[in-house]
Amino acid sequence: MSIEMEGALLLGGNTALSARRLNNRNVTVRNVEHKGQGVFADRHFLCGETVVIALVEREEPERTRYSVQMNWNKHVLMTTPAVLINHSCNPNTVVINNSHGAYDFVAFRDISAGEELSFDYATTEFEIIAMNECFCAETNCRSTPGGFNVLPDDHALKLHGLVGGYLLPTGQERLGSTG
């Protein structure tokens, strides 16, 4: 059973159902020029807040355009809305492994209501093969998301371990708020 308190949903009981409810309250999916669809914040988020809790739709036998790498040999298709969060070289969310076998998307900085959510695909994929061009238009755009294998050692997300757990040095894997 989930408990509601002053508009906040506390996870309990069926955490997958609670995650879906939290996601439905926090975000909306809309069309985005050049990207297909994207995920947008329905409210203001403070840095460090969990914005989206991803669930696994299915494990993929091979990586696909929409799969996300969870370890060296495992790619999963996450459920909506997580599967629709677009890439940015200057993302407003970061990923943290969760207990559902996917990622939590956590605000990397304050996010305004109506802002499109993004994460850096290179923080989950060791090597990106499905996306050749970046549409983020950020001043620090790399032109292509690349993969973790091409991120410079001084990249902020890499330096602070804000990447998929399997990419961290052994023994340093983190679990997110639903862990």
Protein backbone atom coordinates (compact mmCIF):
# COMPACT_ATOMS: atom_id res chain seq x y z
CA MET A 1 0.00 0.00 0.00
CA SER A 2 1.33 3.44 -0.90
CA ILE A 3 0.97 6.33 1.47
CA GLU A 4 0.24 9.83 0.25
CA MET A 5 1.49 12.73 2.32
CA GLU A 6 1.15 16.40 1.35
CA GLY A 7 1.13 15.54 -2.37
CA ALA A 8 4.20 13.29 -2.16
CA LEU A 9 4.00 9.61 -2.97
CA LEU A 10 5.97 7.42 -0.61
CA LEU A 11 7.03 4.07 -1.99
CA GLY A 12 5.76 1.03 -0.16
CA GLY A 13 4.12 -2.31 -0.89
CA ASN A 14 3.98 -2.60 -4.68
CA THR A 15 6.97 -0.46 -5.60
CA ALA A 16 6.43 -0.92 -9.36
CA LEU A 17 2.90 0.48 -9.05
CA SER A 18 4.20 3.30 -6.84
CA ALA A 19 6.93 4.07 -9.39
CA ARG A 20 4.33 4.32 -12.17
CA ARG A 21 2.18 6.66 -10.06
CA LEU A 22 5.18 8.84 -9.20
CA ASN A 23 6.20 9.01 -12.87
CA ASN A 24 2.64 9.92 -13.92
CA ARG A 25 2.62 12.78 -11.40
CA ASN A 26 6.07 14.07 -12.27
CA VAL A 27 6.30 14.05 -16.06
CA THR A 28 4.48 14.20 -19.41
CA VAL A 29 5.51 12.81 -22.80
CA ARG A 30 5.31 15.22 -25.74
CA ASN A 31 6.55 15.45 -29.32
CA VAL A 32 9.93 17.12 -29.83
CA GLU A 33 11.24 18.44 -33.15
CA HIS A 34 14.13 16.32 -34.53
CA LYS A 35 13.83 13.84 -31.64
CA GLY A 36 10.41 12.21 -31.92
CA GLN A 37 9.13 12.27 -28.35
CA GLY A 38 10.56 13.61 -25.14
CA VAL A 39 9.76 13.70 -21.44
CA PHE A 40 8.91 16.98 -19.71
CA ALA A 41 8.78 17.96 -16.04
CA ASP A 42 5.27 18.65 -14.75
CA ARG A 43 6.61 20.43 -11.68
CA HIS A 44 9.77 22.05 -10.35
CA PHE A 45 12.46 19.64 -9.13
CA LEU A 46 15.33 20.44 -6.82
CA CYS A 47 18.81 19.10 -7.47
CA GLY A 48 18.99 15.58 -6.03
CA GLU A 49 15.28 14.73 -6.34
CA THR A 50 14.27 11.52 -8.09
CA VAL A 51 12.35 12.62 -11.19
CA VAL A 52 11.64 9.29 -12.95
CA ILE A 53 11.88 5.72 -11.69
CA ALA A 54 12.48 3.38 -14.60
CA LEU A 55 11.06 -0.12 -14.77
CA VAL A 56 12.14 -2.88 -17.15
CA GLU A 57 9.78 -3.70 -20.00
CA ARG A 58 12.00 -6.59 -21.10
CA GLU A 59 15.59 -7.69 -21.44
CA GLU A 60 16.89 -7.44 -25.00
CA PRO A 61 18.98 -10.30 -26.45
CA GLU A 62 21.09 -7.67 -28.28
CA ARG A 63 21.42 -3.93 -27.91
CA THR A 64 18.84 -1.91 -29.82
CA ARG A 65 18.28 1.73 -30.60
CA TYR A 66 16.05 2.03 -27.51
CA SER A 67 17.75 -0.35 -25.10
CA VAL A 68 19.88 0.81 -22.19
CA GLN A 69 23.00 -0.99 -21.04
CA MET A 70 22.80 -2.27 -17.46
CA ASN A 71 26.02 -4.26 -17.39
CA TRP A 72 28.63 -5.56 -19.81
CA ASN A 73 26.29 -8.16 -21.32
CA LYS A 74 22.80 -6.93 -20.47
CA HIS A 75 20.61 -4.42 -22.31
CA VAL A 76 17.04 -3.68 -21.24
CA LEU A 77 14.12 -1.80 -22.71
CA MET A 78 12.77 0.48 -20.01
CA THR A 79 9.09 1.38 -19.75
CA THR A 80 7.65 4.75 -20.71
CA PRO A 81 8.46 7.46 -19.71
CA ALA A 82 12.10 6.49 -19.06
CA VAL A 83 12.65 5.00 -22.53
CA LEU A 84 11.75 8.39 -24.05
CA ILE A 85 14.19 10.58 -22.10
CA ASN A 86 16.44 12.16 -24.70
CA HIS A 87 20.20 12.67 -24.71
CA SER A 88 21.97 15.92 -23.90
CA CYS A 89 25.67 16.65 -23.56
CA ASN A 90 24.59 19.00 -20.73
CA PRO A 91 21.90 16.87 -19.03
CA ASN A 92 19.55 17.89 -16.24
CA THR A 93 19.32 14.34 -14.83
CA VAL A 94 21.81 11.61 -14.00
CA VAL A 95 21.26 7.88 -13.64
CA ILE A 96 21.51 5.75 -10.53
CA ASN A 97 20.91 1.98 -10.57
CA ASN A 98 17.61 1.05 -8.92
CA SER A 99 16.16 -2.12 -7.41
CA HIS A 100 13.94 -2.70 -10.47
CA GLY A 101 16.92 -3.59 -12.68
CA ALA A 102 16.87 -0.21 -14.42
CA TYR A 103 17.82 3.37 -13.51
CA ASP A 104 16.40 6.20 -11.45
CA PHE A 105 16.73 9.58 -13.17
CA VAL A 106 17.78 12.11 -10.54
CA ALA A 107 17.86 15.89 -10.98
CA PHE A 108 21.48 16.96 -11.55
CA ARG A 109 20.46 20.59 -11.09
CA ASP A 110 17.16 22.35 -10.42
CA ILE A 111 14.64 21.58 -13.19
CA SER A 112 11.78 23.96 -14.03
CA ALA A 113 8.24 22.82 -14.73
CA GLY A 114 7.86 22.38 -18.50
CA GLU A 115 11.57 21.70 -19.08
CA GLU A 116 12.54 18.67 -21.18
CA LEU A 117 14.37 15.98 -19.22
CA SER A 118 17.65 14.68 -20.55
CA PHE A 119 20.56 12.47 -19.59
CA ASP A 120 23.93 11.83 -21.18
CA TYR A 121 23.70 8.50 -23.03
CA ALA A 122 27.44 8.03 -22.54
CA THR A 123 26.75 7.51 -18.82
CA THR A 124 24.96 4.21 -19.50
CA GLU A 125 26.43 2.95 -22.78
CA PHE A 126 30.05 1.89 -22.97
CA GLU A 127 29.88 2.28 -26.74
CA ILE A 128 26.97 3.90 -28.62
CA ILE A 129 26.15 2.40 -31.99
CA ALA A 130 22.57 3.58 -32.62
CA MET A 131 22.91 7.37 -32.53
CA ASN A 132 25.34 9.15 -34.82
CA GLU A 133 24.22 12.74 -34.38
CA CYS A 134 23.41 14.82 -31.32
CA PHE A 135 20.54 17.33 -31.35
CA CYS A 136 21.07 18.84 -27.90
CA ALA A 137 22.45 22.16 -29.25
CA GLU A 138 24.27 22.80 -25.95
CA THR A 139 27.43 24.91 -25.94
CA ASN A 140 29.40 21.84 -24.83
CA CYS A 141 27.80 19.55 -27.46
CA ARG A 142 30.09 16.70 -28.54
CA SER A 143 28.24 16.40 -31.92
CA THR A 144 27.67 12.72 -31.14
CA PRO A 145 26.87 11.17 -27.76
CA GLY A 146 29.79 8.78 -28.17
CA GLY A 147 29.99 6.34 -25.30
CA PHE A 148 31.62 6.01 -21.91
CA ASN A 149 34.69 4.67 -23.70
CA VAL A 150 35.29 8.06 -25.37
CA LEU A 151 34.36 10.39 -22.49
CA PRO A 152 37.45 12.23 -21.28
CA ASP A 153 38.67 11.29 -17.80
CA ASP A 154 37.94 14.84 -16.59
CA HIS A 155 34.27 14.75 -17.71
CA ALA A 156 32.22 15.91 -14.67
CA LEU A 157 29.78 12.98 -14.65
CA LYS A 158 32.62 10.48 -14.99
CA LEU A 159 34.71 12.20 -12.29
CA HIS A 160 31.84 12.07 -9.78
CA GLY A 161 30.72 8.52 -10.59
CA LEU A 162 27.35 9.66 -11.93
CA VAL A 163 27.19 6.82 -14.42
CA GLY A 164 25.67 3.35 -14.69
CA GLY A 165 26.92 1.20 -11.81
CA TYR A 166 28.67 -1.33 -14.05
CA LEU A 167 30.94 1.48 -15.34
CA LEU A 168 32.21 2.30 -11.85
CA PRO A 169 35.33 0.71 -10.41
CA THR A 170 34.52 -2.64 -8.76
CA GLY A 171 32.86 -2.28 -5.36
CA GLN A 172 31.60 1.27 -5.91
CA GLU A 173 28.16 0.53 -7.46
CA ARG A 174 25.42 2.74 -6.02
CA LEU A 175 21.71 2.08 -5.61
CA GLY A 176 19.18 4.85 -6.00
CA SER A 177 16.26 5.85 -3.81
CA THR A 178 14.17 2.82 -4.80
CA GLY A 179 17.03 0.40 -4.01
